[in-house]
């Protein structure tokens, strides 16, 4: 009886190990892991030309990728007063839908929710399409596109589309990794 019980335990371990290894091999975070760290760069767009600093880190038991962003636009012709824009973002993995979800919380009070778009993404390109907004009309659409230029460099393009209109580029950031 003990031999049979031991054999069943060994069999259970043999069957379970490949399943665990397979689950670990399919890392849902693989596409965005490169973002972890500190970044600085140039910002350009409707708010003018400026600088941007950003930091990504996994938080809350490694379940969320947290982004903190500050973009600074000095006074200039396109933006006479200048401005400082801040937003925080969280990327999570929705296990039910098997998709990364990006939520942005902007200092102006907007909250944007996007989901990863595998159809528009590809090697070196990540695209997140809007799913909904707080404090902005529900017919608006937005898109975040990350173009990975190397392990220490990427661009981010933010596009907006008013109701029944095509997407227009609102801003573009060019980031380089800050080394400690």
Protein backbone atom coordinates (compact mmCIF):
# COMPACT_ATOMS: atom_id res chain seq x y z
CA UNK A 1 0.00 0.00 0.00
CA UNK A 2 2.83 2.43 0.90
CA UNK A 3 4.60 1.60 -2.36
CA UNK A 4 1.42 2.37 -4.31
CA UNK A 5 0.93 5.68 -2.43
CA UNK A 6 4.56 6.64 -3.05
CA UNK A 7 4.26 5.77 -6.72
CA UNK A 8 1.12 7.90 -7.03
CA UNK A 9 2.89 10.86 -5.36
CA UNK A 10 5.86 10.55 -7.74
CA UNK A 11 3.46 10.32 -10.70
CA UNK A 12 1.59 13.43 -9.51
CA UNK A 13 4.87 15.38 -9.29
CA UNK A 14 5.96 14.19 -12.75
CA UNK A 15 2.63 15.32 -14.24
CA UNK A 16 2.54 18.66 -12.35
CA UNK A 17 6.11 19.81 -13.07
CA UNK A 18 5.63 20.27 -16.85
CA UNK A 19 2.38 22.19 -16.25
CA UNK A 20 4.11 24.61 -13.87
CA UNK A 21 7.09 25.01 -16.20
CA UNK A 22 4.74 25.69 -19.12
CA UNK A 23 2.89 28.36 -17.11
CA UNK A 24 6.15 30.06 -16.12
CA UNK A 25 7.45 29.91 -19.70
CA UNK A 26 4.40 31.81 -20.95
CA UNK A 27 5.31 35.08 -19.19
CA UNK A 28 2.41 37.51 -19.71
CA UNK A 29 4.77 40.38 -18.81
CA UNK A 30 7.44 39.56 -21.41
CA UNK A 31 6.42 42.38 -23.80
CA UNK A 32 6.73 45.13 -21.16
CA UNK A 33 9.54 43.88 -18.87
CA UNK A 34 12.07 46.03 -20.74
CA UNK A 35 10.34 49.13 -19.36
CA UNK A 36 11.42 48.51 -15.75
CA UNK A 37 13.79 51.27 -14.65
CA UNK A 38 14.28 55.01 -15.02
CA UNK A 39 13.96 56.85 -18.33
CA UNK A 40 14.49 60.44 -19.54
CA UNK A 41 13.85 62.05 -22.85
CA UNK A 42 12.33 64.64 -25.11
CA UNK A 43 8.63 65.41 -25.43
CA UNK A 44 6.93 67.06 -28.38
CA UNK A 45 3.35 67.62 -29.37
CA UNK A 46 0.37 69.88 -28.85
CA UNK A 47 1.71 71.11 -25.50
CA UNK A 48 4.97 72.13 -27.19
CA UNK A 49 8.51 70.82 -26.84
CA UNK A 50 9.81 69.75 -23.47
CA UNK A 51 11.45 67.08 -21.39
CA UNK A 52 10.04 63.95 -19.83
CA UNK A 53 11.12 61.66 -17.03
CA UNK A 54 9.55 58.34 -16.24
CA UNK A 55 10.03 55.36 -13.94
CA UNK A 56 8.55 51.88 -14.18
CA UNK A 57 8.57 49.34 -11.34
CA UNK A 58 6.64 46.23 -10.39
CA UNK A 59 4.52 46.78 -7.27
CA UNK A 60 2.01 44.97 -5.06
CA UNK A 61 3.53 41.52 -5.19
CA UNK A 62 4.77 41.92 -8.78
CA UNK A 63 1.15 42.00 -10.00
CA UNK A 64 1.23 45.53 -11.45
CA UNK A 65 3.76 47.52 -13.47
CA UNK A 66 3.57 51.07 -12.08
CA UNK A 67 4.62 54.04 -14.20
CA UNK A 68 5.24 57.56 -12.87
CA UNK A 69 5.60 60.27 -15.52
CA UNK A 70 6.43 63.98 -15.42
CA UNK A 71 6.54 66.02 -18.63
CA UNK A 72 7.76 69.62 -18.41
CA UNK A 73 6.99 72.14 -21.14
CA UNK A 74 8.66 75.54 -20.65
CA UNK A 75 6.85 78.67 -21.89
CA UNK A 76 7.04 78.81 -25.71
CA UNK A 77 5.10 79.99 -28.70
CA UNK A 78 2.80 76.93 -28.77
CA UNK A 79 2.27 77.07 -25.01
CA UNK A 80 2.80 80.59 -23.68
CA UNK A 81 2.44 79.69 -20.00
CA UNK A 82 4.21 76.35 -20.17
CA UNK A 83 3.05 73.46 -18.05
CA UNK A 84 4.00 70.42 -16.04
CA UNK A 85 1.98 67.31 -16.85
CA UNK A 86 1.96 64.33 -14.52
CA UNK A 87 0.34 60.95 -14.83
CA UNK A 88 0.57 57.57 -13.19
CA UNK A 89 -0.14 54.35 -15.00
CA UNK A 90 -0.65 50.77 -13.98
CA UNK A 91 -0.33 47.81 -16.31
CA UNK A 92 -2.02 44.65 -15.11
CA UNK A 93 -2.57 41.23 -16.59
CA UNK A 94 -6.24 40.31 -16.98
CA UNK A 95 -6.14 36.52 -16.61
CA UNK A 96 -9.75 36.09 -17.76
CA UNK A 97 -9.14 37.90 -21.07
CA UNK A 98 -5.44 36.90 -21.24
CA UNK A 99 -4.42 40.47 -22.07
CA UNK A 100 -2.36 43.30 -20.61
CA UNK A 101 -4.47 46.26 -19.51
CA UNK A 102 -3.07 49.80 -19.19
CA UNK A 103 -4.79 52.33 -16.93
CA UNK A 104 -3.58 55.94 -16.88
CA UNK A 105 -4.47 58.48 -14.19
CA UNK A 106 -3.82 62.05 -15.37
CA UNK A 107 -3.37 65.16 -13.22
CA UNK A 108 -6.20 66.79 -15.21
CA UNK A 109 -8.61 64.17 -13.85
CA UNK A 110 -8.81 61.89 -16.89
CA UNK A 111 -8.57 58.14 -16.43
CA UNK A 112 -7.92 56.17 -19.60
CA UNK A 113 -8.14 52.40 -19.91
CA UNK A 114 -6.46 50.53 -22.78
CA UNK A 115 -5.90 46.91 -23.69
CA UNK A 116 -2.95 45.45 -25.54
CA UNK A 117 -3.70 45.02 -29.25
CA UNK A 118 -1.84 41.97 -30.58
CA UNK A 119 -3.17 42.60 -34.11
CA UNK A 120 -1.44 46.00 -34.30
CA UNK A 121 1.64 45.00 -32.32
CA UNK A 122 4.66 43.13 -33.55
CA UNK A 123 8.37 42.73 -32.97
CA UNK A 124 9.57 45.95 -31.34
CA UNK A 125 6.11 47.54 -31.41
CA UNK A 126 3.49 47.52 -28.66
CA UNK A 127 0.05 49.05 -29.24
CA UNK A 128 -2.61 49.66 -26.61
CA UNK A 129 -6.12 50.67 -27.80
CA UNK A 130 -8.55 52.55 -25.57
CA UNK A 131 -11.46 50.73 -23.99
CA UNK A 132 -12.96 53.58 -22.00
CA UNK A 133 -12.46 56.89 -20.22
CA UNK A 134 -13.48 58.73 -17.10
CA UNK A 135 -14.19 62.45 -17.51
CA UNK A 136 -14.08 62.34 -21.32
CA UNK A 137 -16.88 61.49 -23.73
CA UNK A 138 -17.37 57.78 -24.34
CA UNK A 139 -17.12 58.13 -28.12
CA UNK A 140 -13.51 59.36 -28.00
CA UNK A 141 -10.75 56.88 -28.84
CA UNK A 142 -7.07 56.85 -27.92
CA UNK A 143 -4.03 54.80 -28.78
CA UNK A 144 -0.61 54.40 -27.12
CA UNK A 145 2.13 53.02 -29.37
CA UNK A 146 5.55 52.06 -28.03
CA UNK A 147 8.30 51.57 -30.61
CA UNK A 148 11.27 49.74 -29.06
CA UNK A 149 14.48 51.03 -30.63
CA UNK A 150 16.78 48.92 -28.46
CA UNK A 151 17.09 47.68 -24.87
CA UNK A 152 17.75 51.24 -23.66
CA UNK A 153 15.62 53.34 -26.00
CA UNK A 154 11.98 53.61 -27.08
CA UNK A 155 9.44 56.10 -28.38
CA UNK A 156 5.86 56.49 -27.25
CA UNK A 157 3.22 58.06 -29.47
CA UNK A 158 -0.13 59.12 -28.02
CA UNK A 159 -2.97 59.52 -30.51
CA UNK A 160 -6.51 60.80 -29.96
CA UNK A 161 -9.63 60.56 -32.12
CA UNK A 162 -12.68 62.73 -31.44
CA UNK A 163 -16.07 61.11 -32.10
CA UNK A 164 -16.37 59.97 -35.73
CA UNK A 165 -12.91 61.37 -36.63
CA UNK A 166 -9.61 59.63 -37.44
CA UNK A 167 -6.68 59.39 -35.00
CA UNK A 168 -4.34 62.39 -34.77
CA UNK A 169 -0.96 62.41 -33.06
CA UNK A 170 -1.22 64.39 -29.83
CA UNK A 171 2.27 63.84 -28.48
CA UNK A 172 5.44 61.85 -28.91
CA UNK A 173 8.12 61.06 -26.34
CA UNK A 174 11.59 59.71 -27.06
CA UNK A 175 13.12 57.92 -24.06
CA UNK A 176 16.60 56.72 -23.16
CA UNK A 177 17.31 54.58 -20.13
CA UNK A 178 18.98 56.28 -17.15
CA UNK A 179 21.83 54.15 -15.85
CA UNK A 180 22.47 54.14 -12.08
